[in-house]
Protein backbone atom coordinates (compact mmCIF):
# COMPACT_ATOMS: atom_id res chain seq x y z
CA MET A 1 20.84 -58.25 1.16
CA ALA A 2 18.14 -59.45 3.50
CA GLU A 3 19.44 -57.22 6.25
CA GLU A 4 19.30 -54.21 3.89
CA GLU A 5 15.72 -55.00 2.94
CA ILE A 6 14.77 -55.41 6.59
CA GLU A 7 16.43 -52.08 7.39
CA GLN A 8 14.59 -50.32 4.57
CA ALA A 9 11.30 -51.87 5.65
CA THR A 10 11.96 -50.76 9.22
CA ASN A 11 12.77 -47.23 8.04
CA LEU A 12 9.60 -47.19 5.97
CA ALA A 13 7.51 -48.33 8.93
CA VAL A 14 9.06 -45.69 11.17
CA THR A 15 8.51 -42.99 8.54
CA LEU A 16 4.90 -44.04 8.01
CA GLY A 17 4.36 -43.99 11.76
CA TRP A 18 5.62 -40.44 11.96
CA VAL A 19 3.53 -39.55 8.94
CA VAL A 20 0.38 -40.87 10.63
CA LEU A 21 1.25 -38.96 13.79
CA ALA A 22 1.93 -35.73 11.86
CA VAL A 23 -1.30 -36.07 9.89
CA THR A 24 -3.31 -36.66 13.06
CA VAL A 25 -1.75 -33.69 14.85
CA ALA A 26 -2.32 -31.46 11.82
CA TYR A 27 -5.96 -32.53 11.56
CA PHE A 28 -6.80 -31.82 15.19
CA ALA A 29 -4.76 -28.60 15.18
CA VAL A 30 -6.66 -27.25 12.16
CA THR A 31 -9.99 -28.30 13.70
CA LEU A 32 -9.15 -26.52 16.96
CA VAL A 33 -7.93 -23.37 15.22
CA SER A 34 -11.01 -23.30 12.97
CA LYS A 35 -13.36 -23.50 15.96
CA LEU A 36 -11.43 -20.81 17.83
CA VAL A 37 -11.49 -18.49 14.82
CA ARG A 38 -15.22 -18.99 14.28
CA TYR A 39 -15.92 -18.38 17.95
CA ALA A 40 -13.76 -15.26 18.04
CA ALA A 41 -15.32 -13.94 14.82
CA ARG A 42 -18.94 -14.76 15.66
CA SER A 43 -19.83 -11.10 15.11
CA HIS A 44 -17.84 -10.81 11.88
CA ASP A 45 -19.58 -12.62 9.04
CA THR A 46 -16.70 -12.49 6.56
CA VAL A 47 -14.08 -14.01 8.89
CA ARG A 48 -16.52 -16.65 10.13
CA GLU A 49 -17.42 -17.68 6.58
CA ILE A 50 -13.75 -17.80 5.56
CA ALA A 51 -12.96 -20.05 8.53
CA LEU A 52 -15.90 -22.31 7.70
CA ARG A 53 -15.15 -22.57 3.98
CA LEU A 54 -11.41 -23.06 4.51
CA ARG A 55 -11.84 -25.93 6.91
CA ASN A 56 -11.57 -28.73 4.34
CA PRO A 57 -8.76 -27.25 2.19
CA ALA A 58 -6.86 -26.27 5.36
CA HIS A 59 -7.15 -29.83 6.65
CA ALA A 60 -5.80 -31.17 3.36
CA THR A 61 -2.97 -28.61 3.11
CA PHE A 62 -1.66 -28.92 6.65
CA MET A 63 -2.03 -32.68 6.72
CA VAL A 64 0.09 -32.86 3.57
CA LEU A 65 2.61 -30.42 5.06
CA GLY A 66 2.75 -32.64 8.13
CA MET A 67 3.50 -35.59 5.85
CA TRP A 68 6.23 -33.58 4.16
CA ILE A 69 7.89 -32.66 7.45
CA ALA A 70 7.65 -36.22 8.76
CA VAL A 71 9.17 -37.70 5.60
CA TRP A 72 12.05 -35.22 5.45
CA SER A 73 12.80 -35.53 9.17
CA THR A 74 12.75 -39.29 9.58
CA ALA A 75 13.42 -40.94 6.24
CA ASN A 76 16.84 -42.38 5.37
CA ARG A 77 18.19 -40.69 2.26
CA GLY A 78 19.40 -44.01 0.90
CA ASP A 79 16.02 -45.75 0.86
CA HIS A 80 14.80 -46.54 -2.65
CA TRP A 81 11.18 -45.71 -1.84
CA LEU A 82 12.00 -42.20 -0.61
CA PRO A 83 11.95 -40.40 -4.02
CA VAL A 84 8.53 -41.85 -4.86
CA LEU A 85 7.07 -40.85 -1.50
CA GLN A 86 8.60 -37.38 -1.73
CA HIS A 87 7.14 -36.89 -5.19
CA VAL A 88 3.67 -37.93 -4.03
CA VAL A 89 3.89 -35.55 -1.09
CA LEU A 90 5.11 -32.70 -3.32
CA VAL A 91 2.22 -33.16 -5.77
CA SER A 92 -0.22 -33.30 -2.85
CA VAL A 93 1.18 -30.04 -1.43
CA ILE A 94 0.77 -28.30 -4.78
CA LEU A 95 -2.82 -29.47 -5.26
CA SER A 96 -3.94 -28.76 -1.70
CA SER A 97 -2.33 -25.31 -1.79
CA ALA A 98 -4.11 -24.53 -5.05
CA TRP A 99 -7.36 -25.68 -3.45
CA MET A 100 -6.81 -23.34 -0.52
CA VAL A 101 -5.92 -20.35 -2.70
CA ALA A 102 -8.97 -20.92 -4.91
CA THR A 103 -11.23 -21.25 -1.86
CA ILE A 104 -9.91 -18.01 -0.35
CA ALA A 105 -10.54 -16.21 -3.66
CA LEU A 106 -14.06 -17.63 -3.90
CA VAL A 107 -14.92 -16.60 -0.35
CA ILE A 108 -13.70 -13.04 -0.95
CA GLU A 109 -15.68 -12.83 -4.19
CA ASP A 110 -18.81 -14.27 -2.55
CA ARG A 111 -18.62 -11.68 0.21
CA ALA A 112 -18.15 -8.97 -2.39
CA LEU A 113 -21.25 -10.21 -4.24
CA HIS A 114 -23.20 -10.19 -0.97
CA ARG A 115 -22.17 -6.63 -0.22
CA VAL A 116 -23.03 -5.50 -3.73
CA GLY A 117 -26.49 -7.03 -3.41
CA SER A 118 -27.15 -5.49 0.00
CA ARG A 119 -25.75 -1.99 -0.59
CA LEU A 120 -26.29 -1.27 -4.28
CA SER A 121 -29.14 -1.68 -6.72
CA GLY A 122 -29.83 -1.05 -10.37
CA ARG A 123 -27.19 -0.87 -13.05
CA HIS A 124 -24.28 -0.25 -10.65
CA ALA A 125 -25.01 -3.50 -8.82
CA ARG A 126 -25.36 -5.38 -12.11
CA ARG A 127 -22.06 -3.98 -13.38
CA LEU A 128 -20.14 -4.97 -10.24
CA ARG A 129 -21.82 -8.38 -10.12
CA THR A 130 -20.81 -9.06 -13.71
CA GLN A 131 -17.20 -8.03 -13.10
CA ILE A 132 -16.93 -10.12 -9.94
CA MET A 133 -18.32 -13.19 -11.69
CA VAL A 134 -15.86 -12.84 -14.57
CA VAL A 135 -12.95 -12.28 -12.17
CA ARG A 136 -14.04 -15.39 -10.24
CA ARG A 137 -13.87 -17.55 -13.35
CA LEU A 138 -10.58 -15.99 -14.39
CA THR A 139 -9.13 -16.65 -10.92
CA ILE A 140 -10.22 -20.30 -10.94
CA GLY A 141 -8.80 -20.73 -14.43
CA LEU A 142 -5.43 -19.19 -13.53
CA VAL A 143 -5.11 -21.19 -10.31
CA SER A 144 -5.96 -24.41 -12.15
CA VAL A 145 -3.49 -23.72 -14.94
CA VAL A 146 -0.68 -22.81 -12.53
CA ALA A 147 -1.36 -25.87 -10.37
CA CYS A 148 -1.38 -28.22 -13.36
CA ALA A 149 1.82 -26.67 -14.70
CA ALA A 150 3.51 -27.00 -11.30
CA VAL A 151 2.48 -30.66 -11.05
CA LEU A 152 3.79 -31.38 -14.55
CA PHE A 153 7.11 -29.71 -13.79
CA THR A 154 7.69 -32.11 -10.91
CA PHE A 155 8.29 -34.81 -13.52
CA PRO A 156 11.78 -34.77 -15.12
CA GLU A 157 10.30 -35.81 -18.47
CA ALA A 158 8.02 -32.76 -18.49
CA ARG A 159 10.92 -30.43 -17.70
CA ALA A 160 12.93 -31.90 -20.56
CA ALA A 161 9.99 -31.54 -22.92
CA SER A 162 9.47 -27.93 -21.85
CA ALA A 163 13.07 -27.11 -22.78
CA SER A 164 12.54 -28.41 -26.31
CA LEU A 165 9.24 -26.57 -26.51
CA LEU A 166 10.89 -23.30 -25.55
CA ALA A 167 13.46 -23.84 -28.29
CA SER A 168 10.67 -23.88 -30.89
CA ALA A 169 8.42 -21.38 -29.12
CA GLY A 170 8.22 -19.08 -32.12
CA VAL A 171 6.64 -21.65 -34.43
CA LEU A 172 4.47 -23.13 -31.70
CA SER A 173 3.13 -19.73 -30.68
CA VAL A 174 1.96 -19.07 -34.24
CA VAL A 175 0.36 -22.51 -34.50
CA ALA A 176 -1.30 -22.18 -31.09
CA ALA A 177 -2.57 -18.70 -31.87
CA LEU A 178 -4.16 -19.91 -35.11
CA ALA A 179 -5.63 -23.01 -33.49
CA ALA A 180 -7.05 -21.15 -30.49
CA GLN A 181 -8.08 -17.97 -32.29
CA SER A 182 -11.79 -18.48 -31.67
CA ALA A 183 -11.37 -19.53 -28.03
CA LEU A 184 -8.99 -16.69 -27.22
CA GLY A 185 -11.27 -14.25 -29.01
CA ASN A 186 -14.13 -15.28 -26.73
CA VAL A 187 -11.93 -14.94 -23.64
CA PHE A 188 -10.90 -11.40 -24.51
CA ALA A 189 -14.46 -10.57 -25.55
CA GLY A 190 -15.72 -11.81 -22.17
CA LEU A 191 -13.23 -9.57 -20.36
CA GLN A 192 -14.20 -6.66 -22.59
CA ILE A 193 -17.89 -7.20 -21.87
CA ALA A 194 -17.29 -7.34 -18.13
CA PHE A 195 -15.12 -4.25 -17.81
CA SER A 196 -16.53 -2.07 -20.58
CA ASP A 197 -19.97 -2.04 -18.93
CA ALA A 198 -21.63 -2.72 -22.28
CA VAL A 199 -23.84 -5.50 -20.95
CA ARG A 200 -24.28 -6.87 -17.43
CA VAL A 201 -25.89 -9.77 -15.67
CA GLY A 202 -29.55 -8.84 -15.22
CA ASP A 203 -29.73 -6.53 -18.24
CA VAL A 204 -32.76 -6.83 -20.49
CA VAL A 205 -31.69 -7.24 -24.12
CA VAL A 206 -33.12 -8.03 -27.53
CA VAL A 207 -30.81 -10.37 -29.45
CA GLU A 208 -31.56 -12.41 -32.57
CA GLY A 209 -35.10 -11.03 -32.45
CA GLU A 210 -35.64 -12.47 -28.96
CA TRP A 211 -36.43 -10.52 -25.78
CA GLY A 212 -34.64 -11.83 -22.70
CA THR A 213 -32.44 -11.23 -19.68
CA ILE A 214 -28.69 -11.76 -19.33
CA GLU A 215 -28.36 -14.62 -16.86
CA ASP A 216 -24.67 -15.48 -17.00
CA ILE A 217 -21.46 -14.17 -18.57
CA THR A 218 -18.48 -16.50 -18.84
CA LEU A 219 -15.17 -16.23 -20.63
CA ALA A 220 -16.59 -18.27 -23.52
CA TYR A 221 -20.31 -17.55 -23.86
CA VAL A 222 -23.24 -15.49 -22.60
CA VAL A 223 -26.52 -17.05 -21.46
CA VAL A 224 -29.68 -15.10 -22.32
CA GLY A 225 -32.89 -16.25 -20.62
CA ILE A 226 -35.78 -15.80 -23.06
CA TRP A 227 -39.16 -14.76 -21.64
CA ASP A 228 -40.65 -18.20 -22.38
CA GLU A 229 -37.89 -19.87 -20.29
CA ARG A 230 -35.73 -20.90 -23.24
CA LYS A 231 -31.99 -20.26 -22.99
CA LEU A 232 -30.12 -18.56 -25.82
CA ILE A 233 -26.38 -19.32 -25.70
CA LEU A 234 -24.25 -16.84 -27.61
CA PRO A 235 -20.45 -16.57 -27.88
CA CYS A 236 -18.92 -13.55 -26.17
CA THR A 237 -17.73 -12.24 -29.53
CA TYR A 238 -21.39 -11.78 -30.53
CA PHE A 239 -21.73 -8.85 -28.14
CA THR A 240 -18.58 -7.17 -29.44
CA SER A 241 -19.32 -7.55 -33.16
CA THR A 242 -23.12 -7.62 -33.58
CA PRO A 243 -25.65 -4.84 -32.82
CA TYR A 244 -28.16 -5.64 -30.09
CA GLU A 245 -30.66 -3.75 -27.93
CA ASN A 246 -29.97 -3.14 -24.24
CA TRP A 247 -33.09 -1.83 -22.53
CA THR A 248 -31.39 -1.26 -19.19
CA ARG A 249 -28.08 0.28 -20.27
CA GLN A 250 -28.52 3.47 -18.26
CA SER A 251 -31.44 2.53 -16.02
CA SER A 252 -34.09 -0.14 -15.72
CA GLU A 253 -36.95 2.33 -16.23
CA VAL A 254 -38.56 1.94 -19.64
CA LEU A 255 -41.50 3.29 -21.66
CA GLY A 256 -44.05 1.24 -23.54
CA THR A 257 -46.96 1.84 -25.91
CA ILE A 258 -50.41 0.32 -26.39
CA GLU A 259 -52.06 0.97 -29.77
CA ILE A 260 -55.81 0.50 -30.33
CA ASP A 261 -57.78 1.19 -33.50
CA VAL A 262 -61.19 2.77 -32.75
CA ASP A 263 -64.00 4.53 -34.61
CA PHE A 264 -63.98 8.25 -35.38
CA ARG A 265 -66.73 8.72 -32.81
CA VAL A 266 -64.53 7.63 -29.90
CA PRO A 267 -64.78 9.94 -26.85
CA LEU A 268 -61.09 10.69 -26.48
CA ASP A 269 -61.38 12.63 -23.23
CA ALA A 270 -63.29 9.80 -21.58
CA MET A 271 -60.83 7.24 -22.97
CA ARG A 272 -57.94 9.33 -21.66
CA ALA A 273 -59.55 9.47 -18.21
CA GLU A 274 -60.08 5.70 -18.22
CA LEU A 275 -56.41 5.18 -19.15
CA ARG A 276 -55.28 7.32 -16.23
CA ARG A 277 -57.60 5.46 -13.87
CA LEU A 278 -56.29 2.08 -14.97
CA VAL A 279 -52.68 3.15 -14.63
CA THR A 280 -52.92 4.97 -11.30
CA GLU A 281 -54.72 2.04 -9.68
CA SER A 282 -52.02 -0.43 -10.76
CA PRO A 283 -48.89 -1.02 -8.61
CA LEU A 284 -47.01 -1.77 -11.83
CA TRP A 285 -46.90 1.91 -12.82
CA ASP A 286 -43.86 3.85 -11.60
CA GLY A 287 -45.66 7.22 -11.62
CA ARG A 288 -43.62 8.83 -14.40
CA VAL A 289 -45.51 8.82 -17.70
CA VAL A 290 -49.11 8.24 -18.78
CA ASN A 291 -50.52 9.78 -21.95
CA LEU A 292 -52.98 9.12 -24.78
CA GLN A 293 -52.51 10.51 -28.28
CA VAL A 294 -54.04 9.96 -31.70
CA THR A 295 -51.21 8.94 -34.00
CA SER A 296 -53.24 8.13 -37.13
CA ALA A 297 -56.71 8.82 -38.58
CA VAL A 298 -56.87 7.07 -41.94
CA SER A 299 -58.60 4.07 -43.54
CA GLY A 300 -61.76 4.67 -41.54
CA VAL A 301 -60.26 4.22 -38.07
CA VAL A 302 -58.52 6.32 -35.46
CA ARG A 303 -55.35 4.89 -33.98
CA ALA A 304 -55.04 5.80 -30.29
CA ARG A 305 -51.62 5.27 -28.72
CA ALA A 306 -51.31 5.03 -24.95
CA LEU A 307 -47.84 5.71 -23.52
CA VAL A 308 -47.04 4.35 -20.05
CA SER A 309 -43.88 3.78 -18.00
CA GLY A 310 -42.66 1.02 -15.70
CA ALA A 311 -39.85 0.49 -13.23
CA ASP A 312 -38.45 -2.34 -15.36
CA SER A 313 -39.27 -4.26 -18.50
CA SER A 314 -41.09 -7.06 -16.70
CA ALA A 315 -43.42 -4.66 -14.86
CA LEU A 316 -43.94 -2.68 -18.07
CA TRP A 317 -44.98 -5.75 -20.01
CA ASP A 318 -47.60 -6.67 -17.41
CA LEU A 319 -48.78 -3.04 -17.26
CA ARG A 320 -49.20 -2.87 -21.03
CA CYS A 321 -51.27 -6.06 -21.04
CA LEU A 322 -53.40 -4.74 -18.17
CA VAL A 323 -54.01 -1.39 -19.91
CA ARG A 324 -54.82 -3.02 -23.25
CA GLU A 325 -57.34 -5.38 -21.66
CA GLY A 326 -58.84 -2.59 -19.55
CA LEU A 327 -59.33 -0.25 -22.52
CA VAL A 328 -60.92 -2.97 -24.64
CA THR A 329 -63.31 -3.82 -21.81
CA TRP A 330 -64.14 -0.13 -21.33
CA LEU A 331 -64.87 0.32 -25.05
CA GLN A 332 -67.18 -2.67 -25.07
CA ARG A 333 -69.04 -1.55 -21.95
CA GLU A 334 -69.02 2.25 -21.98
CA ALA A 335 -68.42 3.27 -25.59
CA PRO A 336 -69.69 0.59 -28.00
CA ASP A 337 -70.06 3.21 -30.74
CA ALA A 338 -66.29 3.68 -30.63
CA LEU A 339 -65.60 0.11 -31.75
CA PRO A 340 -64.06 -0.06 -35.26
CA ARG A 341 -66.66 -0.01 -38.03
CA THR A 342 -66.63 -0.35 -41.79
CA ARG A 343 -68.78 2.01 -43.91
CA TRP A 344 -69.84 1.42 -47.49
CA GLU A 345 -72.32 2.88 -49.97
CA ASP A 346 -75.35 0.93 -51.19
CA GLY A 347 -75.06 0.87 -54.97
CA ALA A 348 -78.85 0.79 -55.53
CA SER A 349 -79.94 3.69 -53.32
CA GLY A 350 -76.65 5.52 -52.86
CA ALA A 351 -77.31 5.56 -49.10
CA LEU A 352 -74.41 5.40 -46.70
CA VAL A 353 -74.58 2.17 -44.72
CA ARG A 354 -72.69 1.64 -41.45
CA GLY A 355 -71.86 -1.70 -39.95
CA SER A 356 -69.17 -3.59 -38.14
CA ALA A 357 -66.29 -5.15 -40.01
CA ASP A 358 -67.64 -8.64 -39.29
CA ALA A 359 -71.06 -7.77 -40.69
CA ALA A 360 -69.48 -6.28 -43.80
CA ALA A 361 -67.42 -9.37 -44.35
CA ALA A 362 -70.45 -11.59 -43.91
CA ARG A 363 -72.45 -9.57 -46.43
CA ALA A 364 -69.60 -9.55 -48.90
CA GLY A 365 -69.35 -13.33 -48.61
CA ALA A 366 -73.07 -13.72 -49.14
CA GLY A 367 -72.96 -11.49 -52.22
CA ALA A 368 -70.10 -13.44 -53.69
CA GLY A 369 -72.04 -16.67 -53.18
């Protein structure tokens, strides 16, 4: 009995020695190959990045494969510790291989995102970026699920349980579908959003009465960045079942209005010229549309509506604020008679009295007192 234990211990020591040797050789071999590939591909960014990003998973994978080869080549099939060591090595091979596959997929998708950003712009770039991001998450999810399933199936108990599960797959599928209805609905909604081109990362939308930008699309939820830096998290099914505004569906160029109530004596031609001056001197204007129209003339005031255009919603918002402030300043400085006024008739003399709204309110308050 003692001799058998000594023999097994000796076999284990020999196997571990070969394992250490195989791991060391695999480590230095991968390091050498990685440096050679990076040197040879110094003018090719994609290959160089793949070699750099794959260095750690390649080390893990080939070191584990070296362990596998050493164990199978040197171990005595009768040793009691062999099945445990083989199982550990098998699980390590599965996990390291999944790591390598996921890393390769991520590198390819990152390079695709880089090319999209450097070659395309506008809605086409946003559409491709959204699709690549969703495919990335789907790839990671599939690789993780397959790796976990493969690890579980290395255990005899899991294989036995899977056979009984398959026998009752009909009932379980119904139960699982009912239990995961919401989650699966979000997954399919996320895929529909990505590939139907309904909304993309970077689109400007109005949802739940809030104006914001799509920052992220996952297989479960969509992140909308509100203009005041809040984050609105919505399930993917929201964008397939609820109406919302997409300001950049076809292009990022948008129109905006500025409405100002003025007196009937406003010099419209001069106000129109001032609007054009303000807009043409601003880099926020995209050069497409600038116009001033009177849209209402009731209740003692004239409503002037300025229409301007911007390259995107952010530039348009700043342009509208600039134009509104500039027109108000111009009215105060150049056309004070065009400021809104309230007119009323003096009951005693029947004379028509003119005054500002503030003065009228003050007088009305004094009369009431």
